[in-house]
Protein backbone atom coordinates (compact mmCIF):
# COMPACT_ATOMS: atom_id res chain seq x y z
CA MET A 1 39.72 -0.17 3.34
CA ALA A 2 37.68 2.40 5.61
CA ASN A 3 35.45 2.74 2.90
CA GLN A 4 34.98 -1.09 2.60
CA THR A 5 34.48 -1.39 6.32
CA SER A 6 31.83 1.50 6.19
CA THR A 7 30.07 -0.23 3.31
CA LYS A 8 30.00 -3.50 5.31
CA SER A 9 28.54 -1.86 8.30
CA GLN A 10 25.96 -0.52 6.47
CA ILE A 11 24.66 -3.79 4.75
CA PRO A 12 22.74 -5.24 7.78
CA TRP A 13 20.95 -1.92 8.33
CA HIS A 14 19.66 -1.61 4.69
CA VAL A 15 18.77 -5.30 4.62
CA THR A 16 16.94 -5.23 7.78
CA ARG A 17 15.14 -2.03 7.00
CA ARG A 18 14.09 -3.45 3.71
CA MET A 19 12.67 -6.59 5.24
CA LEU A 20 10.64 -4.31 7.80
CA GLU A 21 9.45 -2.28 4.93
CA PHE A 22 8.49 -5.31 2.93
CA ARG A 23 6.60 -6.97 5.93
CA GLY A 24 4.88 -3.56 6.69
CA GLU A 25 3.66 -3.53 3.36
CA GLU A 26 2.30 -6.84 3.51
CA ARG A 27 0.69 -6.00 6.68
CA ALA A 28 -0.79 -2.78 5.28
CA ASN A 29 -2.06 -4.18 2.31
CA LEU A 30 -4.08 -7.01 4.51
CA LEU A 31 -5.42 -4.40 6.45
CA ARG A 32 -6.31 -2.43 3.22
CA LEU A 33 -8.44 -5.38 2.22
CA VAL A 34 -10.00 -5.87 5.75
CA GLY A 35 -10.97 -1.97 5.52
CA ILE A 36 -12.46 -2.45 1.85
CA THR A 37 -14.55 -5.50 2.84
CA SER A 38 -15.77 -3.89 6.11
CA PHE A 39 -16.68 -0.40 4.75
CA TYR A 40 -18.44 -2.09 1.73
CA VAL A 41 -20.32 -4.45 3.95
CA LEU A 42 -21.49 -1.46 6.15
CA HIS A 43 -22.31 0.20 3.15
CA LEU A 44 -24.77 -2.61 1.84
CA VAL A 45 -26.42 -2.77 5.53
CA ASN A 46 -26.97 1.02 5.11
CA ALA A 47 -28.47 0.64 1.56
CA PHE A 48 -30.55 -2.50 1.99
CA ALA A 49 -31.10 -3.26 5.54
CA LEU A 50 -31.46 0.38 7.28
CA GLU A 51 -32.51 1.90 4.00
CA VAL A 52 -30.63 4.90 4.87
CA LYS A 53 -32.07 7.98 3.05
CA GLY A 54 -30.05 9.37 0.15
CA ILE A 55 -28.67 6.06 -0.94
CA ASP A 56 -30.09 5.28 -4.25
CA GLU A 57 -28.84 2.99 -7.15
CA THR A 58 -26.42 5.79 -8.66
CA PHE A 59 -25.09 5.99 -5.42
CA HIS A 60 -24.65 2.38 -4.91
CA ASN A 61 -23.19 1.53 -8.27
CA ALA A 62 -20.49 4.33 -7.59
CA MET A 63 -19.66 2.94 -4.34
CA THR A 64 -19.41 -0.57 -5.86
CA ALA A 65 -17.16 0.64 -8.44
CA ILE A 66 -14.55 2.31 -6.17
CA ALA A 67 -14.62 -0.87 -4.19
CA CYS A 68 -13.79 -2.81 -6.79
CA ILE A 69 -10.90 -0.30 -7.97
CA TRP A 70 -9.62 -0.28 -4.48
CA ALA A 71 -9.76 -4.36 -4.38
CA MET A 72 -7.87 -4.52 -7.72
CA LEU A 73 -5.20 -1.97 -6.22
CA ALA A 74 -4.70 -4.61 -3.17
CA ALA A 75 -4.64 -7.55 -5.89
CA VAL A 76 -1.83 -5.65 -7.66
CA VAL A 77 0.12 -5.19 -4.52
CA VAL A 78 -0.21 -9.00 -3.58
CA LEU A 79 1.14 -10.09 -6.94
CA SER A 80 3.97 -7.65 -6.81
CA LEU A 81 4.74 -8.65 -3.14
CA ARG A 82 4.45 -12.63 -4.04
CA ASN A 83 7.05 -11.97 -6.89
CA ARG A 84 9.18 -10.10 -4.42
CA LEU A 85 8.98 -6.89 -6.64
CA MET A 86 8.72 -3.65 -4.27
CA PRO A 87 10.27 -0.60 -5.90
CA ALA A 88 10.77 2.29 -3.68
CA ALA A 89 7.83 4.05 -5.16
CA LEU A 90 5.43 1.38 -4.52
CA LYS A 91 4.57 2.44 -0.86
CA HIS A 92 4.18 5.93 -2.01
CA ALA A 93 2.08 5.21 -4.79
CA THR A 94 -0.30 2.96 -3.18
CA THR A 95 -0.80 5.30 -0.23
CA VAL A 96 -1.48 8.19 -2.68
CA MET A 97 -4.06 5.78 -4.45
CA ASP A 98 -5.78 5.27 -1.01
CA VAL A 99 -6.28 8.93 -0.52
CA ALA A 100 -7.49 9.49 -4.09
CA LEU A 101 -10.13 6.48 -3.73
CA LEU A 102 -11.38 7.83 -0.19
CA THR A 103 -11.45 11.36 -1.72
CA GLY A 104 -13.59 10.01 -4.48
CA VAL A 105 -16.10 8.15 -2.07
CA LEU A 106 -16.30 11.56 0.10
CA THR A 107 -17.26 13.70 -3.05
CA ILE A 108 -20.07 11.23 -3.95
CA ALA A 109 -21.25 10.87 -0.21
CA ASP A 110 -21.78 13.29 2.31
CA GLY A 111 -18.34 15.21 1.80
CA ALA A 112 -16.44 16.45 4.71
CA ARG A 113 -19.69 15.79 6.97
CA SER A 114 -19.35 12.17 6.30
CA PRO A 115 -18.09 9.94 9.30
CA MET A 116 -15.87 8.30 6.44
CA ALA A 117 -13.71 11.36 6.60
CA VAL A 118 -11.83 9.70 9.68
CA VAL A 119 -10.57 7.23 7.31
CA TYR A 120 -7.65 9.67 6.19
CA LEU A 121 -6.44 9.05 9.62
CA LEU A 122 -6.43 5.15 9.02
CA ILE A 123 -4.62 5.61 6.03
CA ILE A 124 -1.70 7.54 7.96
CA MET A 125 -1.80 4.68 10.23
CA LEU A 126 -1.36 2.13 7.66
CA ALA A 127 1.61 4.46 6.45
CA GLY A 128 3.02 4.16 9.76
CA LEU A 129 3.25 0.34 9.25
CA ARG A 130 6.01 0.70 6.52
CA ALA A 131 8.44 2.05 9.33
CA ASN A 132 9.50 4.88 6.86
CA PRO A 133 8.87 8.45 7.83
CA ARG A 134 8.78 9.61 4.18
CA VAL A 135 5.71 7.45 3.43
CA VAL A 136 4.13 8.88 6.43
CA TRP A 137 4.66 12.35 5.39
CA THR A 138 3.30 11.33 1.98
CA ALA A 139 0.06 9.77 3.32
CA THR A 140 -0.05 13.13 5.58
CA ALA A 141 0.28 15.49 2.81
CA ALA A 142 -1.89 13.67 0.36
CA SER A 143 -4.57 13.44 3.29
CA LEU A 144 -4.85 17.24 3.69
CA VAL A 145 -4.90 17.76 0.24
CA GLY A 146 -7.54 15.32 -0.21
CA TYR A 147 -9.64 16.67 2.56
CA ALA A 148 -9.02 20.31 1.29
CA ALA A 149 -10.40 19.01 -2.13
CA VAL A 150 -13.56 17.55 -0.45
CA ILE A 151 -14.31 20.89 1.10
CA GLY A 152 -13.56 22.88 -1.94
CA GLN A 153 -15.85 20.47 -3.91
CA ALA A 154 -18.62 21.24 -1.13
CA LEU A 155 -18.04 24.90 -1.24
CA LEU A 156 -18.41 24.98 -5.23
CA TYR A 157 -21.28 22.37 -5.75
CA ARG A 158 -22.90 21.44 -2.48
CA PRO A 159 -22.80 24.40 -0.03
CA ASP A 160 -25.15 22.22 2.36
CA MET A 161 -22.44 19.69 2.97
CA VAL A 162 -19.86 22.38 3.83
CA PRO A 163 -18.92 21.54 7.61
CA PRO A 164 -18.49 24.20 10.21
CA THR A 165 -15.42 25.79 10.24
CA HIS A 166 -14.14 24.58 13.46
CA HIS A 167 -14.93 21.08 12.36
CA GLY A 168 -12.78 21.59 9.10
CA LEU A 169 -9.92 23.06 11.21
CA THR A 170 -9.85 20.41 13.87
CA MET A 171 -9.83 17.39 11.41
CA GLY A 172 -7.16 19.21 9.62
CA LEU A 173 -4.94 19.43 12.74
CA ALA A 174 -5.73 16.01 13.58
CA ILE A 175 -4.40 14.83 10.07
CA LEU A 176 -1.36 16.61 10.60
CA LEU A 177 -0.55 15.87 14.22
CA SER A 178 -1.21 12.30 13.12
CA GLY A 179 1.54 12.42 10.72
CA VAL A 180 3.85 14.01 13.32
CA VAL A 181 3.44 11.22 15.66
CA LEU A 182 3.50 8.34 13.39
CA SER A 183 6.66 9.92 11.64
CA GLN A 184 8.42 9.87 14.86
CA ILE A 185 7.50 6.52 15.79
CA ALA A 186 9.01 5.31 12.21
CA ASN A 187 12.27 7.43 13.23
CA VAL A 188 12.34 5.45 16.43
CA PHE A 189 12.16 2.17 14.74
CA GLN A 190 14.83 3.11 12.15
CA THR A 191 17.04 4.22 14.79
CA ALA A 192 16.75 1.19 16.74
CA ILE A 193 17.54 -1.01 13.74
CA GLN A 194 20.56 1.03 13.00
CA ALA A 195 21.86 1.02 16.39
CA HIS A 196 21.29 -2.91 16.64
CA ALA A 197 23.46 -3.17 13.28
CA ASP A 198 26.13 -1.08 14.79
CA VAL A 199 26.08 -2.94 18.17
CA SER A 200 26.19 -6.33 16.33
CA GLN A 201 29.07 -5.18 14.10
CA ARG A 202 31.37 -4.17 17.13
CA VAL A 203 30.43 -7.28 19.12
CA GLU A 204 31.66 -9.22 15.92
CA LYS A 205 34.83 -7.14 15.87
CA LEU A 206 35.43 -7.87 19.45
CA ASN A 207 35.04 -11.69 19.12
CA LYS A 208 37.46 -11.33 16.11
CA GLY A 209 40.11 -9.41 18.55
CA GLU A 210 39.69 -6.35 16.35
CA ALA A 211 39.38 -2.79 17.73
CA PRO A 212 35.72 -1.69 17.80
């Protein structure tokens, strides 16, 4: 009997958390599409309006290909969510793909010196929308690895793109602290949801004349 009561008390918490994560994934994917579109339009402006030095046909084609792959990722997520398919691994997989694609952009562009490096922080923010600390830490760890890979590629093949040491350390620390802050926010959300479920169950028991 005690086990049945415990199981029942956990149902509202798990259902509410699942709904929150589902809505968070929808919002994150919408913002993913907005980000892809915005940065690609910025690339087109740089390439054809401002004629920024270093943007040739090869670079443009590479950026277009990555943007298309990124958009296809967003389309797959849309189809999955519309069919109510959201396996636990989906939010982790899409987060890692976001980091991998951004890392690809940076290795083709100006590496760690590129202003696009700050998008690692945006990816961690997107992870925070899932209200799941594990997803935030996945984004944080993947971003640190991705940023280190960009610097490593520069050290090996493009020494002129290696950022100053203090620049790299500052960016790495910003990525880490962003993960810490957003994971704590996600923990607060989950704690609030669980507390609400517990209070609701106690109120229901009181209404039925049972001991809370």
